[in-house]
Amino acid sequence: MNINILAFGIAKDIINGSTLGLEIQDGTTVGDLKVKLTSQFPDFEKLRSLSIAVNEEYQEDDFVLSEKDEIVIIPPVSGG
């Protein structure tokens, strides 16, 4: 199935854009997606954390993705 991912902050720099389309298998979890992203974009390994939101809610690694989900990569945030 095809999914579209939105990226913000440094994640946008890593994927060279604000959106990314990926082909994934049915049953793919958030954890599987993180592994796929890291293998395709090794700079993700340099981040101290990487969160994934699905349909406007943060999800744990065992959450199963669907084709119509809105998926967002949320890198670590710093500020003061």
C-alpha atoms as a PDB file:
ATOM      1  CA  MET A   1       0.000   0.000   0.000  1.00  0.00           C
ATOM      2  CA  ASN A   2       1.073   3.602  -0.522  1.00  0.00           C
ATOM      3  CA  ILE A   3       1.336   6.110   2.307  1.00  0.00           C
ATOM      4  CA  ASN A   4       2.135   9.799   2.360  1.00  0.00           C
ATOM      5  CA  ILE A   5       4.211  11.239   5.162  1.00  0.00           C
ATOM      6  CA  LEU A   6       4.514  14.868   6.264  1.00  0.00           C
ATOM      7  CA  ALA A   7       7.795  16.028   7.784  1.00  0.00           C
ATOM      8  CA  PHE A   8       8.693  19.001   9.961  1.00  0.00           C
ATOM      9  CA  GLY A   9      11.907  20.572  11.267  1.00  0.00           C
ATOM     10  CA  ILE A  10      15.086  18.637  10.669  1.00  0.00           C
ATOM     11  CA  ALA A  11      13.089  15.655   9.387  1.00  0.00           C
ATOM     12  CA  LYS A  12      12.116  17.835   6.415  1.00  0.00           C
ATOM     13  CA  ASP A  13      15.807  18.506   5.758  1.00  0.00           C
ATOM     14  CA  ILE A  14      16.670  14.812   6.022  1.00  0.00           C
ATOM     15  CA  ILE A  15      14.093  13.729   3.423  1.00  0.00           C
ATOM     16  CA  ASN A  16      14.739  16.823   1.274  1.00  0.00           C
ATOM     17  CA  GLY A  17      11.136  17.987   1.322  1.00  0.00           C
ATOM     18  CA  SER A  18       7.997  18.333   3.381  1.00  0.00           C
ATOM     19  CA  THR A  19       6.291  15.203   2.016  1.00  0.00           C
ATOM     20  CA  LEU A  20       7.363  11.677   1.212  1.00  0.00           C
ATOM     21  CA  GLY A  21       5.457   8.865  -0.465  1.00  0.00           C
ATOM     22  CA  LEU A  22       6.384   5.310   0.514  1.00  0.00           C
ATOM     23  CA  GLU A  23       5.244   1.842  -0.446  1.00  0.00           C
ATOM     24  CA  ILE A  24       4.708  -0.357   2.640  1.00  0.00           C
ATOM     25  CA  GLN A  25       3.235  -3.774   3.286  1.00  0.00           C
ATOM     26  CA  ASP A  26      -0.146  -4.322   4.918  1.00  0.00           C
ATOM     27  CA  GLY A  27       0.365  -4.710   8.650  1.00  0.00           C
ATOM     28  CA  THR A  28       3.301  -2.291   8.801  1.00  0.00           C
ATOM     29  CA  THR A  29       3.669  -0.744  12.252  1.00  0.00           C
ATOM     30  CA  VAL A  30       5.058   2.624  13.322  1.00  0.00           C
ATOM     31  CA  GLY A  31       8.188   0.770  14.478  1.00  0.00           C
ATOM     32  CA  ASP A  32       8.547  -0.857  11.049  1.00  0.00           C
ATOM     33  CA  LEU A  33       8.176   2.572   9.453  1.00  0.00           C
ATOM     34  CA  LYS A  34      10.938   4.016  11.646  1.00  0.00           C
ATOM     35  CA  VAL A  35      13.257   1.179  10.564  1.00  0.00           C
ATOM     36  CA  LYS A  36      12.397   1.759   6.902  1.00  0.00           C
ATOM     37  CA  LEU A  37      12.942   5.508   7.215  1.00  0.00           C
ATOM     38  CA  THR A  38      16.281   5.004   8.963  1.00  0.00           C
ATOM     39  CA  SER A  39      17.477   2.531   6.330  1.00  0.00           C
ATOM     40  CA  GLN A  40      16.445   4.879   3.514  1.00  0.00           C
ATOM     41  CA  PHE A  41      17.650   8.049   5.294  1.00  0.00           C
ATOM     42  CA  PRO A  42      20.549   7.152   7.668  1.00  0.00           C
ATOM     43  CA  ASP A  43      20.642  10.678   9.147  1.00  0.00           C
ATOM     44  CA  PHE A  44      17.549   9.752  11.183  1.00  0.00           C
ATOM     45  CA  GLU A  45      19.898   7.628  13.344  1.00  0.00           C
ATOM     46  CA  LYS A  46      21.601  10.839  14.511  1.00  0.00           C
ATOM     47  CA  LEU A  47      18.412  12.152  16.152  1.00  0.00           C
ATOM     48  CA  ARG A  48      17.989  11.478  19.864  1.00  0.00           C
ATOM     49  CA  SER A  49      14.296  10.776  19.322  1.00  0.00           C
ATOM     50  CA  LEU A  50      11.832  10.492  16.491  1.00  0.00           C
ATOM     51  CA  SER A  51       8.098  10.534  17.044  1.00  0.00           C
ATOM     52  CA  ILE A  52       5.375   9.544  14.630  1.00  0.00           C
ATOM     53  CA  ALA A  53       1.878  10.980  14.790  1.00  0.00           C
ATOM     54  CA  VAL A  54      -0.964   9.223  13.001  1.00  0.00           C
ATOM     55  CA  ASN A  55      -4.209  11.090  12.474  1.00  0.00           C
ATOM     56  CA  GLU A  56      -3.069  13.857  14.843  1.00  0.00           C
ATOM     57  CA  GLU A  57      -2.137  11.514  17.737  1.00  0.00           C
ATOM     58  CA  TYR A  58       1.301  10.317  18.800  1.00  0.00           C
ATOM     59  CA  GLN A  59       1.557   6.553  18.339  1.00  0.00           C
ATOM     60  CA  GLU A  60       3.689   3.833  19.868  1.00  0.00           C
ATOM     61  CA  ASP A  61       5.820   1.499  17.753  1.00  0.00           C
ATOM     62  CA  ASP A  62       3.195  -1.283  17.745  1.00  0.00           C
ATOM     63  CA  PHE A  63       0.478   0.850  16.080  1.00  0.00           C
ATOM     64  CA  VAL A  64      -0.523  -0.613  12.673  1.00  0.00           C
ATOM     65  CA  LEU A  65      -0.683   1.856   9.788  1.00  0.00           C
ATOM     66  CA  SER A  66      -3.455   2.109   7.186  1.00  0.00           C
ATOM     67  CA  GLU A  67      -3.303   3.591   3.701  1.00  0.00           C
ATOM     68  CA  LYS A  68      -5.602   6.515   4.513  1.00  0.00           C
ATOM     69  CA  ASP A  69      -3.758   7.543   7.697  1.00  0.00           C
ATOM     70  CA  GLU A  70      -2.249  11.017   7.970  1.00  0.00           C
ATOM     71  CA  ILE A  71       1.318  10.284   9.076  1.00  0.00           C
ATOM     72  CA  VAL A  72       3.648  12.973  10.424  1.00  0.00           C
ATOM     73  CA  ILE A  73       7.336  12.693  11.363  1.00  0.00           C
ATOM     74  CA  ILE A  74       8.038  14.807  14.426  1.00  0.00           C
ATOM     75  CA  PRO A  75      11.722  15.255  15.216  1.00  0.00           C
ATOM     76  CA  PRO A  76      13.064  16.379  18.600  1.00  0.00           C
ATOM     77  CA  VAL A  77      12.133  19.957  19.425  1.00  0.00           C
ATOM     78  CA  SER A  78      14.428  22.402  21.164  1.00  0.00           C
ATOM     79  CA  GLY A  79      13.769  25.873  22.356  1.00  0.00           C
ATOM     80  CA  GLY A  80      13.867  28.141  25.267  1.00  0.00           C
END
